Amino acid sequence: MSSAARIGLLCLYLTGQPAWGLDSDRKQPVNITADHITVVEKKGYSRYQGNVLLTQGSLKITGDDLTVFVAQNKLRKIIVLGQPASLLQLPEGQAEPMHSRAHKMEYRVDEQLIDLIGNAEVWQGPNRFSGEHITYHTNTGTITGEKGKEDGGRVSITITPPPEDNGKTTAP
């Protein structure tokens, strides 16, 4: 298979996105721009370096380095590195986009999880979750956070109540 065909095939694998995106995102083309690309067919990965931007529908990923790992024609893992790397996507049925950022983002397909490592944050509107390491299990919707081991940091979450309904009350 030619390198150009292999790159196209690798991009198609990215359509297996995390569970929170719009259903229509998966049907959109994947676009990746970077300053440099390396495709290593025999080892099953492609690497994009320098001002990396990946878009697909409402999904936008930015970073300094993005590596896509494929084995037996299946996406296995995506790693994004940056200062910070970021992800933005509009969840299905919601008006506010979901944001995340960390020094390293790793999506492991077989385990159905996303790790955000190094000054990690996830937020939507005024609601925020932060810690040194955040793990999101896409199959269960479970999020866990860990504080930093060396800096004595803490995991933090902010949940903002919905706006008042202008004095309207409902009968008990």
N, C-alpha and C. Protein backbone atom coordinates (compact mmCIF):
# COMPACT_ATOMS: atom_id res chain seq x y z
N MET A 1 0.86 -1.17 0.00
CA MET A 1 0.00 0.00 0.00
C MET A 1 0.90 1.23 0.00
N SER A 2 0.57 2.21 -0.82
CA SER A 2 1.37 3.42 -0.91
C SER A 2 1.26 4.24 0.38
N SER A 3 2.25 5.10 0.61
CA SER A 3 2.23 5.96 1.80
C SER A 3 1.01 6.86 1.80
N ALA A 4 0.65 7.40 0.64
CA ALA A 4 -0.52 8.29 0.57
C ALA A 4 -1.79 7.53 0.93
N ALA A 5 -1.93 6.30 0.43
CA ALA A 5 -3.11 5.49 0.76
C ALA A 5 -3.12 5.14 2.24
N ARG A 6 -1.95 4.86 2.79
CA ARG A 6 -1.84 4.50 4.20
C ARG A 6 -2.23 5.69 5.08
N ILE A 7 -1.80 6.90 4.72
CA ILE A 7 -2.16 8.10 5.48
C ILE A 7 -3.67 8.28 5.46
N GLY A 8 -4.27 8.11 4.29
CA GLY A 8 -5.73 8.21 4.19
C GLY A 8 -6.42 7.19 5.06
N LEU A 9 -5.91 5.95 5.07
CA LEU A 9 -6.49 4.89 5.90
C LEU A 9 -6.34 5.22 7.38
N LEU A 10 -5.19 5.73 7.78
CA LEU A 10 -4.99 6.10 9.19
C LEU A 10 -5.97 7.19 9.61
N CYS A 11 -6.20 8.14 8.72
CA CYS A 11 -7.15 9.22 9.03
C CYS A 11 -8.55 8.67 9.21
N LEU A 12 -8.92 7.69 8.41
CA LEU A 12 -10.25 7.10 8.54
C LEU A 12 -10.43 6.44 9.91
N TYR A 13 -9.35 5.90 10.47
CA TYR A 13 -9.44 5.27 11.78
C TYR A 13 -9.80 6.25 12.88
N LEU A 14 -9.52 7.51 12.67
CA LEU A 14 -9.81 8.52 13.68
C LEU A 14 -11.31 8.72 13.89
N THR A 15 -12.13 8.17 13.00
CA THR A 15 -13.56 8.37 13.13
C THR A 15 -14.15 7.61 14.31
N GLY A 16 -13.43 6.72 14.94
CA GLY A 16 -13.90 6.06 16.14
C GLY A 16 -13.65 6.96 17.33
N GLN A 17 -14.37 8.07 17.42
CA GLN A 17 -14.14 9.10 18.42
C GLN A 17 -14.69 8.73 19.78
N PRO A 18 -14.25 9.46 20.78
CA PRO A 18 -14.82 9.30 22.11
C PRO A 18 -16.33 9.52 22.10
N ALA A 19 -16.99 8.99 23.11
CA ALA A 19 -18.45 8.89 23.14
C ALA A 19 -19.17 10.23 23.22
N TRP A 20 -18.52 11.33 23.58
CA TRP A 20 -19.27 12.55 23.84
C TRP A 20 -19.53 13.40 22.61
N GLY A 21 -19.01 13.09 21.44
CA GLY A 21 -19.15 13.95 20.27
C GLY A 21 -20.48 13.79 19.56
N LEU A 22 -20.74 14.71 18.64
CA LEU A 22 -21.93 14.65 17.81
C LEU A 22 -21.90 13.39 16.95
N ASP A 23 -23.04 12.73 16.80
CA ASP A 23 -23.10 11.56 15.93
C ASP A 23 -22.66 11.92 14.51
N SER A 24 -23.01 13.11 14.06
CA SER A 24 -22.67 13.53 12.70
C SER A 24 -21.17 13.74 12.51
N ASP A 25 -20.41 13.94 13.59
CA ASP A 25 -18.96 14.13 13.47
C ASP A 25 -18.30 12.93 12.80
N ARG A 26 -18.76 11.74 13.13
CA ARG A 26 -18.15 10.53 12.60
C ARG A 26 -18.29 10.41 11.08
N LYS A 27 -19.23 11.13 10.51
CA LYS A 27 -19.47 11.07 9.07
C LYS A 27 -18.73 12.16 8.32
N GLN A 28 -18.04 13.01 9.04
CA GLN A 28 -17.32 14.13 8.43
C GLN A 28 -15.89 13.70 8.09
N PRO A 29 -15.28 14.38 7.10
CA PRO A 29 -13.88 14.05 6.78
C PRO A 29 -12.95 14.47 7.92
N VAL A 30 -11.85 13.72 8.07
CA VAL A 30 -10.80 14.06 9.02
C VAL A 30 -9.76 14.89 8.27
N ASN A 31 -9.41 16.04 8.84
CA ASN A 31 -8.38 16.90 8.25
C ASN A 31 -7.27 17.07 9.28
N ILE A 32 -6.03 16.83 8.86
CA ILE A 32 -4.88 17.01 9.74
C ILE A 32 -3.88 17.90 9.03
N THR A 33 -3.44 18.94 9.74
CA THR A 33 -2.35 19.77 9.22
C THR A 33 -1.24 19.79 10.26
N ALA A 34 -0.01 19.84 9.79
CA ALA A 34 1.16 19.88 10.67
C ALA A 34 2.34 20.39 9.85
N ASP A 35 3.40 20.73 10.54
CA ASP A 35 4.61 21.17 9.85
C ASP A 35 5.37 20.00 9.23
N HIS A 36 5.19 18.79 9.81
CA HIS A 36 5.95 17.61 9.37
C HIS A 36 5.13 16.36 9.61
N ILE A 37 5.23 15.38 8.72
CA ILE A 37 4.57 14.09 8.90
C ILE A 37 5.55 12.97 8.62
N THR A 38 5.46 11.91 9.42
CA THR A 38 6.23 10.70 9.22
C THR A 38 5.27 9.52 9.29
N VAL A 39 5.29 8.67 8.26
CA VAL A 39 4.48 7.46 8.26
C VAL A 39 5.43 6.27 8.28
N VAL A 40 5.30 5.41 9.29
CA VAL A 40 6.14 4.22 9.41
C VAL A 40 5.20 3.01 9.26
N GLU A 41 5.00 2.60 8.00
CA GLU A 41 4.03 1.56 7.70
C GLU A 41 4.34 0.25 8.41
N LYS A 42 5.60 -0.17 8.40
CA LYS A 42 5.96 -1.47 8.97
C LYS A 42 5.73 -1.54 10.48
N LYS A 43 5.79 -0.40 11.16
CA LYS A 43 5.56 -0.38 12.60
C LYS A 43 4.16 0.07 12.96
N GLY A 44 3.36 0.47 11.98
CA GLY A 44 1.95 0.77 12.18
C GLY A 44 1.66 2.09 12.88
N TYR A 45 2.43 3.13 12.54
CA TYR A 45 2.09 4.42 13.12
C TYR A 45 2.39 5.56 12.16
N SER A 46 1.70 6.68 12.42
CA SER A 46 2.03 7.92 11.71
C SER A 46 2.17 9.00 12.77
N ARG A 47 3.09 9.93 12.51
CA ARG A 47 3.39 10.98 13.48
C ARG A 47 3.33 12.33 12.79
N TYR A 48 2.61 13.25 13.41
CA TYR A 48 2.43 14.61 12.90
C TYR A 48 3.07 15.55 13.91
N GLN A 49 3.97 16.43 13.43
CA GLN A 49 4.72 17.29 14.34
C GLN A 49 4.65 18.75 13.92
N GLY A 50 4.57 19.62 14.93
CA GLY A 50 4.63 21.05 14.70
C GLY A 50 3.29 21.66 14.33
N ASN A 51 2.72 22.44 15.23
CA ASN A 51 1.46 23.14 14.97
C ASN A 51 0.38 22.20 14.44
N VAL A 52 0.19 21.08 15.13
CA VAL A 52 -0.76 20.06 14.67
C VAL A 52 -2.19 20.53 14.91
N LEU A 53 -3.03 20.35 13.90
CA LEU A 53 -4.45 20.64 14.00
C LEU A 53 -5.20 19.49 13.33
N LEU A 54 -6.06 18.83 14.09
CA LEU A 54 -6.93 17.79 13.56
C LEU A 54 -8.36 18.27 13.73
N THR A 55 -9.14 18.21 12.66
CA THR A 55 -10.56 18.56 12.75
C THR A 55 -11.39 17.46 12.11
N GLN A 56 -12.58 17.28 12.66
CA GLN A 56 -13.58 16.39 12.09
C GLN A 56 -14.93 16.82 12.64
N GLY A 57 -15.74 17.48 11.83
CA GLY A 57 -17.01 18.01 12.32
C GLY A 57 -16.75 19.00 13.43
N SER A 58 -17.38 18.79 14.60
CA SER A 58 -17.19 19.70 15.73
C SER A 58 -15.91 19.43 16.52
N LEU A 59 -15.22 18.33 16.20
CA LEU A 59 -13.99 17.95 16.91
C LEU A 59 -12.81 18.79 16.42
N LYS A 60 -12.06 19.34 17.38
CA LYS A 60 -10.84 20.08 17.06
C LYS A 60 -9.79 19.68 18.08
N ILE A 61 -8.67 19.13 17.60
CA ILE A 61 -7.55 18.74 18.46
C ILE A 61 -6.33 19.53 18.02
N THR A 62 -5.64 20.15 18.97
CA THR A 62 -4.40 20.87 18.67
C THR A 62 -3.30 20.35 19.57
N GLY A 63 -2.07 20.44 19.09
CA GLY A 63 -0.92 20.02 19.88
C GLY A 63 0.36 20.25 19.12
N ASP A 64 1.45 19.88 19.76
CA ASP A 64 2.76 19.98 19.14
C ASP A 64 3.11 18.70 18.39
N ASP A 65 2.53 17.58 18.84
CA ASP A 65 2.89 16.26 18.30
C ASP A 65 1.68 15.34 18.44
N LEU A 66 1.29 14.68 17.36
CA LEU A 66 0.18 13.73 17.38
C LEU A 66 0.65 12.44 16.73
N THR A 67 0.48 11.31 17.41
CA THR A 67 0.88 10.01 16.87
C THR A 67 -0.33 9.08 16.87
N VAL A 68 -0.54 8.42 15.73
CA VAL A 68 -1.65 7.48 15.56
C VAL A 68 -1.06 6.09 15.40
N PHE A 69 -1.50 5.13 16.26
CA PHE A 69 -1.01 3.76 16.21
C PHE A 69 -2.11 2.84 15.68
N VAL A 70 -1.74 2.01 14.70
CA VAL A 70 -2.68 1.08 14.08
C VAL A 70 -2.04 -0.31 14.11
N ALA A 71 -2.85 -1.34 14.41
CA ALA A 71 -2.40 -2.72 14.34
C ALA A 71 -3.52 -3.55 13.73
N GLN A 72 -3.18 -4.41 12.79
CA GLN A 72 -4.15 -5.27 12.13
C GLN A 72 -5.32 -4.46 11.58
N ASN A 73 -4.99 -3.34 10.95
CA ASN A 73 -5.98 -2.44 10.33
C ASN A 73 -7.01 -1.89 11.30
N LYS A 74 -6.65 -1.78 12.57
CA LYS A 74 -7.54 -1.19 13.58
C LYS A 74 -6.79 -0.11 14.35
N LEU A 75 -7.48 0.99 14.63
CA LEU A 75 -6.91 2.03 15.46
C LEU A 75 -6.70 1.47 16.86
N ARG A 76 -5.50 1.63 17.40
CA ARG A 76 -5.19 1.14 18.75
C ARG A 76 -5.02 2.27 19.75
N LYS A 77 -4.35 3.35 19.31
CA LYS A 77 -4.03 4.41 20.26
C LYS A 77 -3.73 5.70 19.52
N ILE A 78 -4.09 6.83 20.15
CA ILE A 78 -3.72 8.16 19.67
C ILE A 78 -3.09 8.89 20.84
N ILE A 79 -1.93 9.49 20.61
CA ILE A 79 -1.25 10.28 21.64
C ILE A 79 -1.05 11.69 21.10
N VAL A 80 -1.46 12.69 21.88
CA VAL A 80 -1.27 14.09 21.53
C VAL A 80 -0.44 14.74 22.64
N LEU A 81 0.63 15.40 22.27
CA LEU A 81 1.48 16.12 23.22
C LEU A 81 1.43 17.60 22.90
N GLY A 82 1.51 18.44 23.94
CA GLY A 82 1.51 19.88 23.71
C GLY A 82 1.73 20.65 24.98
N GLN A 83 1.81 21.94 24.83
CA GLN A 83 2.04 22.83 25.97
C GLN A 83 0.93 23.88 26.07
N PRO A 84 -0.31 23.54 26.23
CA PRO A 84 -0.84 22.18 26.34
C PRO A 84 -1.41 21.68 25.01
N ALA A 85 -1.71 20.39 24.96
CA ALA A 85 -2.53 19.83 23.88
C ALA A 85 -3.98 20.14 24.25
N SER A 86 -4.85 20.30 23.25
CA SER A 86 -6.23 20.64 23.58
C SER A 86 -7.20 19.88 22.69
N LEU A 87 -8.39 19.70 23.21
CA LEU A 87 -9.47 19.05 22.48
C LEU A 87 -10.74 19.85 22.74
N LEU A 88 -11.50 20.08 21.69
CA LEU A 88 -12.78 20.78 21.80
C LEU A 88 -13.77 20.00 20.95
N GLN A 89 -14.95 19.72 21.52
CA GLN A 89 -15.97 19.01 20.77
C GLN A 89 -17.34 19.32 21.34
N LEU A 90 -18.32 19.42 20.45
CA LEU A 90 -19.69 19.67 20.87
C LEU A 90 -20.38 18.35 21.17
N PRO A 91 -20.83 18.12 22.42
CA PRO A 91 -21.52 16.87 22.74
C PRO A 91 -22.90 16.82 22.10
N GLU A 92 -23.34 15.64 21.79
CA GLU A 92 -24.66 15.43 21.20
C GLU A 92 -25.74 16.00 22.11
N GLY A 93 -26.64 16.80 21.54
CA GLY A 93 -27.78 17.34 22.28
C GLY A 93 -27.46 18.45 23.25
N GLN A 94 -26.27 19.04 23.18
CA GLN A 94 -25.89 20.11 24.10
C GLN A 94 -25.43 21.34 23.33
N ALA A 95 -25.64 22.51 23.92
CA ALA A 95 -25.27 23.77 23.27
C ALA A 95 -23.83 24.17 23.56
N GLU A 96 -23.31 23.78 24.73
CA GLU A 96 -21.95 24.17 25.13
C GLU A 96 -20.94 23.12 24.69
N PRO A 97 -19.81 23.53 24.10
CA PRO A 97 -18.77 22.55 23.75
C PRO A 97 -18.04 22.04 24.99
N MET A 98 -17.50 20.84 24.89
CA MET A 98 -16.67 20.23 25.92
C MET A 98 -15.22 20.55 25.54
N HIS A 99 -14.46 21.06 26.52
CA HIS A 99 -13.05 21.40 26.31
C HIS A 99 -12.20 20.50 27.20
N SER A 100 -11.01 20.19 26.73
CA SER A 100 -10.04 19.55 27.61
C SER A 100 -8.65 19.97 27.16
N ARG A 101 -7.73 19.94 28.13
CA ARG A 101 -6.34 20.24 27.81
C ARG A 101 -5.45 19.57 28.85
N ALA A 102 -4.25 19.23 28.40
CA ALA A 102 -3.24 18.59 29.25
C ALA A 102 -1.93 18.59 28.46
N HIS A 103 -0.86 18.26 29.13
CA HIS A 103 0.42 18.16 28.44
C HIS A 103 0.45 16.92 27.55
N LYS A 104 -0.30 15.87 27.97
CA LYS A 104 -0.37 14.64 27.18
C LYS A 104 -1.80 14.12 27.22
N MET A 105 -2.35 13.79 26.04
CA MET A 105 -3.66 13.15 25.94
C MET A 105 -3.45 11.82 25.23
N GLU A 106 -3.98 10.76 25.82
CA GLU A 106 -3.82 9.44 25.22
C GLU A 106 -5.17 8.74 25.17
N TYR A 107 -5.57 8.36 23.96
CA TYR A 107 -6.83 7.63 23.75
C TYR A 107 -6.47 6.19 23.41
N ARG A 108 -6.83 5.25 24.30
CA ARG A 108 -6.56 3.83 24.11
C ARG A 108 -7.87 3.13 23.76
N VAL A 109 -7.98 2.74 22.52
CA VAL A 109 -9.24 2.24 21.97
C VAL A 109 -9.70 0.96 22.65
N ASP A 110 -8.84 -0.05 22.76
CA ASP A 110 -9.25 -1.34 23.34
C ASP A 110 -9.71 -1.20 24.78
N GLU A 111 -9.10 -0.31 25.52
CA GLU A 111 -9.48 -0.09 26.92
C GLU A 111 -10.62 0.91 27.05
N GLN A 112 -10.98 1.55 25.96
CA GLN A 112 -12.04 2.56 25.92
C GLN A 112 -11.82 3.64 26.97
N LEU A 113 -10.61 4.20 26.97
CA LEU A 113 -10.33 5.28 27.91
C LEU A 113 -9.44 6.34 27.32
N ILE A 114 -9.58 7.52 27.90
CA ILE A 114 -8.78 8.67 27.53
C ILE A 114 -8.06 9.14 28.80
N ASP A 115 -6.75 9.24 28.73
CA ASP A 115 -5.94 9.77 29.83
C ASP A 115 -5.50 11.17 29.48
N LEU A 116 -5.69 12.09 30.42
CA LEU A 116 -5.16 13.45 30.32
C LEU A 116 -4.11 13.55 31.41
N ILE A 117 -2.88 13.81 31.03
CA ILE A 117 -1.76 13.74 31.98
C ILE A 117 -0.98 15.05 31.95
N GLY A 118 -0.77 15.61 33.13
CA GLY A 118 0.02 16.83 33.26
C GLY A 118 -0.83 18.07 33.18
N ASN A 119 -1.16 18.62 34.33
CA ASN A 119 -1.97 19.84 34.41
C ASN A 119 -3.26 19.70 33.59
N ALA A 120 -4.00 18.64 33.86
CA ALA A 120 -5.18 18.28 33.07
C ALA A 120 -6.42 19.05 33.51
N GLU A 121 -7.23 19.44 32.53
CA GLU A 121 -8.50 20.13 32.80
C GLU A 121 -9.54 19.67 31.79
N VAL A 122 -10.77 19.54 32.27
CA VAL A 122 -11.93 19.29 31.42
C VAL A 122 -12.99 20.28 31.87
N TRP A 123 -13.62 20.99 30.92
CA TRP A 123 -14.67 21.93 31.31
C TRP A 123 -15.71 22.06 30.22
N GLN A 124 -16.90 22.40 30.69
CA GLN A 124 -18.03 22.69 29.80
C GLN A 124 -18.79 23.83 30.45
N GLY A 125 -18.83 24.97 29.76
CA GLY A 125 -19.42 26.15 30.37
C GLY A 125 -18.68 26.47 31.66
N PRO A 126 -19.40 26.76 32.75
CA PRO A 126 -18.74 27.11 34.01
C PRO A 126 -18.31 25.89 34.84
N ASN A 127 -18.68 24.69 34.42
CA ASN A 127 -18.34 23.47 35.16
C ASN A 127 -16.95 23.00 34.77
N ARG A 128 -16.12 22.66 35.78
CA ARG A 128 -14.71 22.38 35.54
C ARG A 128 -14.22 21.24 36.43
N PHE A 129 -13.33 20.43 35.87
CA PHE A 129 -12.70 19.32 36.59
C PHE A 129 -11.21 19.39 36.28
N SER A 130 -10.36 19.41 37.30
CA SER A 130 -8.93 19.52 37.04
C SER A 130 -8.13 18.67 38.02
N GLY A 131 -6.95 18.29 37.60
CA GLY A 131 -6.02 17.49 38.40
C GLY A 131 -4.78 17.22 37.59
N GLU A 132 -3.82 16.58 38.18
CA GLU A 132 -2.59 16.24 37.46
C GLU A 132 -2.86 15.15 36.41
N HIS A 133 -3.80 14.25 36.71
CA HIS A 133 -4.11 13.12 35.82
C HIS A 133 -5.61 12.86 35.87
N ILE A 134 -6.27 12.96 34.73
CA ILE A 134 -7.71 12.68 34.63
C ILE A 134 -7.88 11.52 33.65
N THR A 135 -8.69 10.55 34.03
CA THR A 135 -9.00 9.42 33.16
C THR A 135 -10.50 9.39 32.91
N TYR A 136 -10.87 9.28 31.62
CA TYR A 136 -12.28 9.19 31.24
C TYR A 136 -12.50 7.84 30.56
N HIS A 137 -13.37 7.02 31.16
CA HIS A 137 -13.73 5.72 30.58
C HIS A 137 -14.94 5.94 29.66
N THR A 138 -14.71 5.86 28.35
CA THR A 138 -15.76 6.21 27.39
C THR A 138 -16.93 5.23 27.40
N ASN A 139 -16.68 3.98 27.79
CA ASN A 139 -17.77 3.00 27.79
C ASN A 139 -18.71 3.15 28.98
N THR A 140 -18.23 3.68 30.09
CA THR A 140 -19.06 3.80 31.29
C THR A 140 -19.38 5.25 31.65
N GLY A 141 -18.66 6.20 31.04
CA GLY A 141 -18.86 7.60 31.38
C GLY A 141 -18.23 7.97 32.72
N THR A 142 -17.36 7.12 33.25
CA THR A 142 -16.71 7.36 34.54
C THR A 142 -15.47 8.23 34.35
N ILE A 143 -15.35 9.26 35.20
CA ILE A 143 -14.17 10.12 35.21
C ILE A 143 -13.49 10.00 36.56
N THR A 144 -12.17 9.80 36.56
CA THR A 144 -11.40 9.78 37.80
C THR A 144 -10.29 10.81 37.68
N GLY A 145 -9.87 11.36 38.82
CA GLY A 145 -8.80 12.35 38.84
C GLY A 145 -7.82 12.04 39.94
N GLU A 146 -6.56 12.42 39.71
CA GLU A 146 -5.51 12.22 40.70
C GLU A 146 -4.73 13.52 40.87
N LYS A 147 -4.31 13.75 42.10
CA LYS A 147 -3.47 14.92 42.37
C LYS A 147 -2.04 14.60 41.94
N GLY A 148 -1.22 15.64 41.86
CA GLY A 148 0.18 15.45 41.56
C GLY A 148 0.89 14.82 42.74
N LYS A 149 1.85 13.95 42.48
CA LYS A 149 2.58 13.27 43.56
C LYS A 149 3.63 14.17 44.19
N GLU A 150 4.22 15.04 43.39
CA GLU A 150 5.35 15.83 43.88
C GLU A 150 4.97 17.21 44.38
N ASP A 151 3.92 17.79 43.83
CA ASP A 151 3.62 19.18 44.18
C ASP A 151 2.57 19.33 45.27
N GLY A 152 2.06 18.21 45.77
CA GLY A 152 1.05 18.29 46.82
C GLY A 152 -0.27 18.84 46.33
N GLY A 153 -0.45 18.92 45.01
CA GLY A 153 -1.67 19.46 44.42
C GLY A 153 -2.90 18.64 44.79
N ARG A 154 -4.02 19.11 44.35
CA ARG A 154 -5.29 18.46 44.66
C ARG A 154 -6.10 18.32 43.38
N VAL A 155 -7.09 17.46 43.43
CA VAL A 155 -8.07 17.37 42.36
C VAL A 155 -9.16 18.38 42.69
N SER A 156 -9.66 19.06 41.67
CA SER A 156 -10.64 20.11 41.89
C SER A 156 -11.81 19.94 40.93
N ILE A 157 -13.02 20.20 41.43
CA ILE A 157 -14.20 20.17 40.58
C ILE A 157 -15.08 21.36 40.94
N THR A 158 -15.63 21.99 39.92
CA THR A 158 -16.58 23.09 40.11
C THR A 158 -17.85 22.73 39.37
N ILE A 159 -18.96 22.71 40.10
CA ILE A 159 -20.27 22.44 39.50
C ILE A 159 -21.13 23.66 39.77
N THR A 160 -21.57 24.31 38.72
CA THR A 160 -22.37 25.52 38.83
C THR A 160 -23.85 25.17 38.72
N PRO A 161 -24.66 25.62 39.68
CA PRO A 161 -26.10 25.33 39.58
C PRO A 161 -26.71 26.00 38.36
N PRO A 162 -27.80 25.45 37.86
CA PRO A 162 -28.46 26.09 36.72
C PRO A 162 -28.99 27.46 37.11
N PRO A 163 -29.20 28.34 36.15
CA PRO A 163 -29.69 29.68 36.45
C PRO A 163 -31.08 29.61 37.07
N GLU A 164 -31.38 30.64 37.87
CA GLU A 164 -32.70 30.75 38.50
C GLU A 164 -33.77 30.83 37.42
N ASP A 165 -34.98 30.40 37.76
CA ASP A 165 -36.08 30.45 36.79
C ASP A 165 -36.94 31.71 36.96
N ASN A 166 -36.29 32.82 37.35
CA ASN A 166 -36.95 34.13 37.49
C ASN A 166 -38.14 34.12 38.45
N GLY A 167 -37.99 33.44 39.57
CA GLY A 167 -39.03 33.47 40.61
C GLY A 167 -40.16 32.50 40.38
N LYS A 168 -40.16 31.78 39.28
CA LYS A 168 -41.24 30.82 39.06
C LYS A 168 -41.02 29.62 39.96
N THR A 169 -42.06 29.16 40.55
CA THR A 169 -41.98 27.97 41.39
C THR A 169 -42.95 26.95 40.88
N THR A 170 -42.64 25.72 41.17
CA THR A 170 -43.55 24.65 40.78
C THR A 170 -44.26 24.15 42.00
N ALA A 171 -45.48 23.73 41.83
CA ALA A 171 -46.28 23.22 42.94
C ALA A 171 -45.69 21.92 43.45
N PRO A 172 -45.75 21.69 44.77
CA PRO A 172 -45.20 20.44 45.32
C PRO A 172 -45.99 19.24 44.89
